[in-house]
């Protein structure tokens, strides 16, 4: 096996591991933070298809972290500030809204990660890694 083949294989493996970190981040938030910093660091160090995947991962984790912060902030506002000023059914509605927002973000992140993992395994670059569309080419 040539040195170039070994390097290419190890980069593909690193991309796949970072996609796995992103997917695990939906369950345990620490993993998505780790994946975010890995993608940010490697998006400037690599070239070609690898760089497109790391930029794609960086954008995905950035939006997921921002939406997660919005959801947590919304949850705390509705659980701490609103209960004293609103009837109980409004508080229940707020908790349901938080759950729905979490699941929508989780589905968006999972779909993008699975699609990116598929394209990475096929050896294809992501044509527009800065897009926010759920299904990329």
N, C-alpha and C. Protein backbone atom coordinates (compact mmCIF):
# COMPACT_ATOMS: atom_id res chain seq x y z
N UNK A 1 0.84 -1.17 0.00
CA UNK A 1 0.00 0.00 0.00
C UNK A 1 0.89 1.24 0.00
N UNK A 2 0.58 2.19 -0.84
CA UNK A 2 1.40 3.38 -0.94
C UNK A 2 1.10 4.33 0.22
N UNK A 3 2.04 5.24 0.40
CA UNK A 3 1.86 6.21 1.48
C UNK A 3 0.67 7.11 1.20
N UNK A 4 0.44 7.47 -0.06
CA UNK A 4 -0.70 8.31 -0.42
C UNK A 4 -2.01 7.59 -0.11
N UNK A 5 -2.09 6.30 -0.42
CA UNK A 5 -3.31 5.53 -0.13
C UNK A 5 -3.58 5.44 1.36
N UNK A 6 -2.53 5.28 2.12
CA UNK A 6 -2.68 5.20 3.57
C UNK A 6 -3.17 6.53 4.14
N UNK A 7 -2.62 7.63 3.65
CA UNK A 7 -3.05 8.95 4.11
C UNK A 7 -4.49 9.22 3.73
N UNK A 8 -4.86 8.88 2.50
CA UNK A 8 -6.24 9.09 2.05
C UNK A 8 -7.21 8.27 2.88
N UNK A 9 -6.85 7.02 3.18
CA UNK A 9 -7.73 6.17 3.97
C UNK A 9 -7.89 6.71 5.39
N UNK A 10 -6.80 7.20 5.97
CA UNK A 10 -6.89 7.71 7.34
C UNK A 10 -7.73 8.98 7.40
N UNK A 11 -7.68 9.82 6.35
CA UNK A 11 -8.51 11.01 6.33
C UNK A 11 -9.98 10.64 6.23
N UNK A 12 -10.31 9.65 5.39
CA UNK A 12 -11.69 9.21 5.28
C UNK A 12 -12.19 8.67 6.61
N UNK A 13 -11.33 7.96 7.31
CA UNK A 13 -11.71 7.43 8.61
C UNK A 13 -11.95 8.56 9.61
N UNK A 14 -11.14 9.60 9.56
CA UNK A 14 -11.32 10.74 10.46
C UNK A 14 -12.62 11.47 10.16
N UNK A 15 -12.96 11.59 8.89
CA UNK A 15 -14.22 12.22 8.51
C UNK A 15 -15.39 11.40 9.05
N UNK A 16 -15.32 10.09 8.88
CA UNK A 16 -16.39 9.21 9.36
C UNK A 16 -16.52 9.28 10.88
N UNK A 17 -15.39 9.34 11.58
CA UNK A 17 -15.44 9.45 13.04
C UNK A 17 -16.10 10.75 13.48
N UNK A 18 -15.81 11.82 12.76
CA UNK A 18 -16.42 13.10 13.13
C UNK A 18 -17.92 13.09 12.85
N UNK A 19 -18.34 12.43 11.76
CA UNK A 19 -19.79 12.28 11.53
C UNK A 19 -20.42 11.46 12.65
N UNK A 20 -19.71 10.45 13.13
CA UNK A 20 -20.22 9.64 14.25
C UNK A 20 -20.34 10.50 15.51
N UNK A 21 -19.36 11.37 15.75
CA UNK A 21 -19.45 12.28 16.90
C UNK A 21 -20.67 13.19 16.78
N UNK A 22 -20.94 13.66 15.57
CA UNK A 22 -22.10 14.53 15.37
C UNK A 22 -23.39 13.77 15.67
N UNK A 23 -23.48 12.54 15.19
CA UNK A 23 -24.68 11.74 15.44
C UNK A 23 -24.84 11.44 16.93
N UNK A 24 -23.75 11.14 17.61
CA UNK A 24 -23.82 10.91 19.06
C UNK A 24 -24.15 12.19 19.82
N UNK A 25 -23.85 13.32 19.22
CA UNK A 25 -24.13 14.60 19.86
C UNK A 25 -25.61 14.85 20.08
N UNK A 26 -26.47 14.18 19.31
CA UNK A 26 -27.90 14.31 19.54
C UNK A 26 -28.33 13.69 20.85
N UNK A 27 -27.58 12.72 21.32
CA UNK A 27 -27.89 12.05 22.57
C UNK A 27 -27.12 12.68 23.73
N UNK A 28 -25.84 12.90 23.49
CA UNK A 28 -24.97 13.50 24.52
C UNK A 28 -24.28 14.71 23.90
N UNK A 29 -24.66 15.89 24.37
CA UNK A 29 -24.22 17.14 23.77
C UNK A 29 -22.72 17.36 23.72
N UNK A 30 -21.96 16.70 24.57
CA UNK A 30 -20.51 16.88 24.59
C UNK A 30 -19.90 16.46 23.25
N UNK A 31 -20.43 15.41 22.65
CA UNK A 31 -19.87 14.91 21.40
C UNK A 31 -20.02 15.92 20.27
N UNK A 32 -21.12 16.62 20.21
CA UNK A 32 -21.30 17.59 19.13
C UNK A 32 -20.36 18.78 19.32
N UNK A 33 -20.04 19.12 20.56
CA UNK A 33 -19.07 20.19 20.81
C UNK A 33 -17.68 19.75 20.36
N UNK A 34 -17.31 18.51 20.67
CA UNK A 34 -16.02 17.97 20.22
C UNK A 34 -15.96 17.94 18.70
N UNK A 35 -17.03 17.47 18.06
CA UNK A 35 -17.07 17.42 16.59
C UNK A 35 -16.97 18.81 15.99
N UNK A 36 -17.57 19.79 16.63
CA UNK A 36 -17.50 21.17 16.14
C UNK A 36 -16.06 21.67 16.12
N UNK A 37 -15.32 21.45 17.19
CA UNK A 37 -13.94 21.93 17.24
C UNK A 37 -13.02 21.14 16.31
N UNK A 38 -13.27 19.85 16.16
CA UNK A 38 -12.48 19.05 15.22
C UNK A 38 -12.71 19.55 13.80
N UNK A 39 -13.97 19.76 13.43
CA UNK A 39 -14.29 20.23 12.08
C UNK A 39 -13.73 21.62 11.83
N UNK A 40 -13.79 22.48 12.82
CA UNK A 40 -13.25 23.84 12.65
C UNK A 40 -11.75 23.80 12.42
N UNK A 41 -11.05 22.97 13.17
CA UNK A 41 -9.60 22.88 13.04
C UNK A 41 -9.20 22.27 11.69
N UNK A 42 -9.85 21.19 11.32
CA UNK A 42 -9.44 20.47 10.11
C UNK A 42 -9.96 21.10 8.83
N UNK A 43 -10.94 22.00 8.90
CA UNK A 43 -11.43 22.63 7.68
C UNK A 43 -10.39 23.55 7.07
N UNK A 44 -9.43 24.01 7.87
CA UNK A 44 -8.37 24.86 7.34
C UNK A 44 -7.10 24.08 7.03
N UNK A 45 -7.01 22.85 7.51
CA UNK A 45 -5.78 22.06 7.33
C UNK A 45 -5.83 21.13 6.13
N UNK A 46 -7.01 20.82 5.62
CA UNK A 46 -7.13 19.85 4.53
C UNK A 46 -7.52 20.55 3.24
N UNK A 47 -7.44 19.80 2.15
CA UNK A 47 -7.81 20.30 0.83
C UNK A 47 -8.72 19.30 0.14
N UNK A 48 -9.42 19.75 -0.89
CA UNK A 48 -10.22 18.85 -1.72
C UNK A 48 -11.49 18.37 -1.04
N UNK A 49 -11.85 17.11 -1.32
CA UNK A 49 -13.10 16.57 -0.77
C UNK A 49 -13.13 16.57 0.76
N UNK A 50 -11.98 16.33 1.38
CA UNK A 50 -11.94 16.32 2.84
C UNK A 50 -12.32 17.69 3.41
N UNK A 51 -11.80 18.74 2.77
CA UNK A 51 -12.10 20.08 3.25
C UNK A 51 -13.59 20.38 3.12
N UNK A 52 -14.21 19.95 2.02
CA UNK A 52 -15.65 20.20 1.86
C UNK A 52 -16.46 19.50 2.95
N UNK A 53 -16.03 18.31 3.34
CA UNK A 53 -16.75 17.59 4.40
C UNK A 53 -16.57 18.27 5.75
N UNK A 54 -15.37 18.74 6.03
CA UNK A 54 -15.15 19.40 7.32
C UNK A 54 -15.87 20.75 7.39
N UNK A 55 -15.93 21.48 6.29
CA UNK A 55 -16.71 22.73 6.27
C UNK A 55 -18.18 22.41 6.48
N UNK A 56 -18.67 21.37 5.83
CA UNK A 56 -20.06 20.93 5.98
C UNK A 56 -20.35 20.54 7.43
N UNK A 57 -19.43 19.80 8.04
CA UNK A 57 -19.60 19.40 9.44
C UNK A 57 -19.57 20.61 10.36
N UNK A 58 -18.69 21.54 10.07
CA UNK A 58 -18.60 22.74 10.90
C UNK A 58 -19.90 23.53 10.87
N UNK A 59 -20.45 23.70 9.66
CA UNK A 59 -21.72 24.44 9.54
C UNK A 59 -22.86 23.71 10.23
N UNK A 60 -22.89 22.39 10.08
CA UNK A 60 -23.94 21.61 10.71
C UNK A 60 -23.87 21.72 12.23
N UNK A 61 -22.68 21.57 12.78
CA UNK A 61 -22.56 21.63 14.24
C UNK A 61 -22.79 23.05 14.76
N UNK A 62 -22.38 24.05 14.00
CA UNK A 62 -22.59 25.43 14.43
C UNK A 62 -24.09 25.73 14.55
N UNK A 63 -24.85 25.38 13.53
CA UNK A 63 -26.29 25.62 13.56
C UNK A 63 -26.95 24.78 14.65
N UNK A 64 -26.51 23.53 14.81
CA UNK A 64 -27.08 22.68 15.85
C UNK A 64 -26.81 23.24 17.24
N UNK A 65 -25.60 23.73 17.47
CA UNK A 65 -25.28 24.31 18.77
C UNK A 65 -26.06 25.60 19.02
N UNK A 66 -26.19 26.43 18.00
CA UNK A 66 -26.98 27.66 18.16
C UNK A 66 -28.44 27.34 18.44
N UNK A 67 -29.01 26.41 17.69
CA UNK A 67 -30.41 26.03 17.92
C UNK A 67 -30.56 25.36 19.28
N UNK A 68 -29.59 24.60 19.70
CA UNK A 68 -29.63 24.00 21.02
C UNK A 68 -29.63 25.05 22.12
N UNK A 69 -28.80 26.08 21.94
CA UNK A 69 -28.78 27.16 22.94
C UNK A 69 -30.11 27.91 22.97
N UNK A 70 -30.69 28.15 21.80
CA UNK A 70 -32.00 28.81 21.74
C UNK A 70 -33.05 27.95 22.43
N UNK A 71 -33.03 26.65 22.17
CA UNK A 71 -34.01 25.74 22.78
C UNK A 71 -33.85 25.69 24.29
N UNK A 72 -32.63 25.61 24.77
CA UNK A 72 -32.40 25.57 26.23
C UNK A 72 -32.80 26.89 26.87
N UNK A 73 -32.47 28.00 26.23
CA UNK A 73 -32.87 29.30 26.75
C UNK A 73 -34.39 29.41 26.80
N UNK A 74 -35.05 28.97 25.74
CA UNK A 74 -36.51 28.98 25.68
C UNK A 74 -37.09 28.11 26.80
N UNK A 75 -36.50 26.95 27.01
CA UNK A 75 -36.96 26.05 28.06
C UNK A 75 -36.84 26.69 29.43
N UNK A 76 -35.69 27.30 29.72
CA UNK A 76 -35.50 27.91 31.03
C UNK A 76 -36.42 29.12 31.24
N UNK A 77 -36.62 29.90 30.19
CA UNK A 77 -37.53 31.04 30.32
C UNK A 77 -38.94 30.56 30.61
N UNK A 78 -39.38 29.53 29.91
CA UNK A 78 -40.75 29.06 30.13
C UNK A 78 -40.91 28.30 31.44
N UNK A 79 -39.85 27.70 31.95
CA UNK A 79 -39.97 26.94 33.19
C UNK A 79 -39.73 27.81 34.43
N UNK A 80 -38.94 28.85 34.32
CA UNK A 80 -38.61 29.66 35.49
C UNK A 80 -39.42 30.96 35.52
N UNK A 81 -39.49 31.64 34.41
CA UNK A 81 -40.12 32.95 34.40
C UNK A 81 -41.64 32.88 34.20
N UNK A 82 -42.09 32.05 33.27
CA UNK A 82 -43.51 32.00 32.94
C UNK A 82 -44.41 31.31 33.96
N UNK A 83 -43.99 30.27 34.66
CA UNK A 83 -44.95 29.59 35.55
C UNK A 83 -45.61 30.50 36.57
N UNK A 84 -44.94 31.50 37.02
CA UNK A 84 -45.54 32.39 38.01
C UNK A 84 -46.55 33.35 37.38
N UNK A 85 -46.51 33.48 36.05
CA UNK A 85 -47.36 34.47 35.39
C UNK A 85 -48.39 33.86 34.44
N UNK A 86 -48.40 32.57 34.29
CA UNK A 86 -49.31 31.97 33.32
C UNK A 86 -49.98 30.73 33.90
N UNK A 87 -51.12 30.37 33.32
CA UNK A 87 -51.79 29.15 33.77
C UNK A 87 -50.98 27.90 33.40
N UNK A 88 -51.22 26.79 34.09
CA UNK A 88 -50.43 25.57 33.85
C UNK A 88 -50.47 25.05 32.41
N UNK A 89 -51.61 25.21 31.72
CA UNK A 89 -51.68 24.67 30.36
C UNK A 89 -50.73 25.40 29.41
N UNK A 90 -50.43 26.65 29.67
CA UNK A 90 -49.46 27.37 28.84
C UNK A 90 -48.04 26.87 29.09
N UNK A 91 -47.75 26.50 30.31
CA UNK A 91 -46.43 25.95 30.63
C UNK A 91 -46.24 24.60 29.95
N UNK A 92 -47.28 23.78 29.94
CA UNK A 92 -47.21 22.48 29.26
C UNK A 92 -47.00 22.69 27.77
N UNK A 93 -47.67 23.69 27.19
CA UNK A 93 -47.51 23.98 25.77
C UNK A 93 -46.06 24.38 25.48
N UNK A 94 -45.46 25.14 26.38
CA UNK A 94 -44.07 25.57 26.20
C UNK A 94 -43.10 24.40 26.24
N UNK A 95 -43.35 23.46 27.14
CA UNK A 95 -42.49 22.27 27.22
C UNK A 95 -42.63 21.44 25.96
N UNK A 96 -43.83 21.32 25.44
CA UNK A 96 -44.03 20.59 24.18
C UNK A 96 -43.32 21.28 23.03
N UNK A 97 -43.35 22.61 23.01
CA UNK A 97 -42.67 23.36 21.96
C UNK A 97 -41.16 23.11 22.01
N UNK A 98 -40.60 23.07 23.21
CA UNK A 98 -39.18 22.77 23.38
C UNK A 98 -38.87 21.39 22.82
N UNK A 99 -39.69 20.41 23.14
CA UNK A 99 -39.49 19.04 22.64
C UNK A 99 -39.55 18.97 21.14
N UNK A 100 -40.51 19.68 20.55
CA UNK A 100 -40.64 19.69 19.09
C UNK A 100 -39.43 20.35 18.43
N UNK A 101 -38.97 21.44 18.99
CA UNK A 101 -37.79 22.12 18.45
C UNK A 101 -36.56 21.22 18.53
N UNK A 102 -36.40 20.53 19.65
CA UNK A 102 -35.27 19.61 19.81
C UNK A 102 -35.32 18.51 18.76
N UNK A 103 -36.48 17.90 18.55
CA UNK A 103 -36.58 16.81 17.58
C UNK A 103 -36.37 17.29 16.15
N UNK A 104 -36.85 18.48 15.82
CA UNK A 104 -36.62 19.01 14.47
C UNK A 104 -35.13 19.23 14.21
N UNK A 105 -34.45 19.81 15.17
CA UNK A 105 -33.00 20.02 15.02
C UNK A 105 -32.27 18.68 14.95
N UNK A 106 -32.68 17.73 15.77
CA UNK A 106 -32.05 16.41 15.78
C UNK A 106 -32.23 15.70 14.43
N UNK A 107 -33.41 15.77 13.86
CA UNK A 107 -33.66 15.15 12.55
C UNK A 107 -32.84 15.84 11.47
N UNK A 108 -32.76 17.18 11.51
CA UNK A 108 -31.98 17.93 10.54
C UNK A 108 -30.51 17.54 10.61
N UNK A 109 -29.96 17.48 11.82
CA UNK A 109 -28.55 17.12 12.00
C UNK A 109 -28.29 15.68 11.58
N UNK A 110 -29.16 14.77 11.97
CA UNK A 110 -28.97 13.35 11.63
C UNK A 110 -29.03 13.13 10.13
N UNK A 111 -29.98 13.77 9.45
CA UNK A 111 -30.09 13.60 8.00
C UNK A 111 -28.87 14.15 7.29
N UNK A 112 -28.41 15.32 7.69
CA UNK A 112 -27.21 15.90 7.07
C UNK A 112 -25.98 15.03 7.34
N UNK A 113 -25.87 14.50 8.54
CA UNK A 113 -24.71 13.68 8.89
C UNK A 113 -24.71 12.35 8.14
N UNK A 114 -25.85 11.73 8.04
CA UNK A 114 -25.94 10.46 7.31
C UNK A 114 -25.65 10.67 5.83
N UNK A 115 -26.18 11.75 5.26
CA UNK A 115 -25.91 12.05 3.86
C UNK A 115 -24.41 12.36 3.65
N UNK A 116 -23.82 13.12 4.55
CA UNK A 116 -22.39 13.42 4.46
C UNK A 116 -21.54 12.18 4.60
N UNK A 117 -21.94 11.29 5.50
CA UNK A 117 -21.23 10.03 5.68
C UNK A 117 -21.31 9.18 4.42
N UNK A 118 -22.47 9.16 3.80
CA UNK A 118 -22.64 8.42 2.54
C UNK A 118 -21.74 9.00 1.45
N UNK A 119 -21.73 10.31 1.30
CA UNK A 119 -20.89 10.94 0.27
C UNK A 119 -19.40 10.74 0.57
N UNK A 120 -19.04 10.77 1.84
CA UNK A 120 -17.65 10.53 2.23
C UNK A 120 -17.21 9.11 1.89
N UNK A 121 -18.07 8.14 2.16
CA UNK A 121 -17.74 6.75 1.85
C UNK A 121 -17.62 6.53 0.35
N UNK A 122 -18.38 7.30 -0.43
CA UNK A 122 -18.30 7.19 -1.88
C UNK A 122 -17.11 7.96 -2.44
N UNK A 123 -16.41 8.72 -1.60
CA UNK A 123 -15.26 9.49 -2.05
C UNK A 123 -15.63 10.77 -2.77
N UNK A 124 -16.85 11.25 -2.57
CA UNK A 124 -17.33 12.44 -3.26
C UNK A 124 -17.24 13.66 -2.35
N UNK A 125 -16.95 14.79 -2.97
CA UNK A 125 -16.94 16.05 -2.23
C UNK A 125 -18.36 16.60 -2.15
N UNK A 126 -18.61 17.44 -1.19
CA UNK A 126 -19.89 18.14 -1.10
C UNK A 126 -19.75 19.41 -1.93
N UNK A 127 -20.63 19.57 -2.94
CA UNK A 127 -20.47 20.66 -3.90
C UNK A 127 -20.58 22.04 -3.24
N UNK A 128 -21.54 22.21 -2.37
CA UNK A 128 -21.71 23.49 -1.68
C UNK A 128 -21.77 23.23 -0.18
N UNK A 129 -20.62 23.13 0.48
CA UNK A 129 -20.63 22.77 1.90
C UNK A 129 -21.20 23.84 2.82
N UNK A 130 -21.38 25.05 2.32
CA UNK A 130 -21.90 26.13 3.16
C UNK A 130 -23.42 26.23 3.13
N UNK A 131 -24.07 25.33 2.43
CA UNK A 131 -25.52 25.35 2.36
C UNK A 131 -26.14 24.86 3.66
N UNK A 132 -27.36 25.27 3.89
CA UNK A 132 -28.10 24.80 5.06
C UNK A 132 -29.19 23.80 4.66
N UNK A 133 -29.26 23.45 3.39
CA UNK A 133 -30.25 22.48 2.94
C UNK A 133 -30.02 21.15 3.64
N UNK A 134 -31.09 20.43 3.81
CA UNK A 134 -31.01 19.17 4.55
C UNK A 134 -30.39 18.06 3.68
N UNK A 135 -30.61 18.10 2.37
CA UNK A 135 -30.12 17.04 1.49
C UNK A 135 -29.16 17.67 0.49
N UNK A 136 -27.88 17.41 0.65
CA UNK A 136 -26.86 18.04 -0.19
C UNK A 136 -26.42 17.11 -1.31
N UNK A 137 -25.74 17.69 -2.29
CA UNK A 137 -25.19 16.91 -3.40
C UNK A 137 -23.69 16.94 -3.36
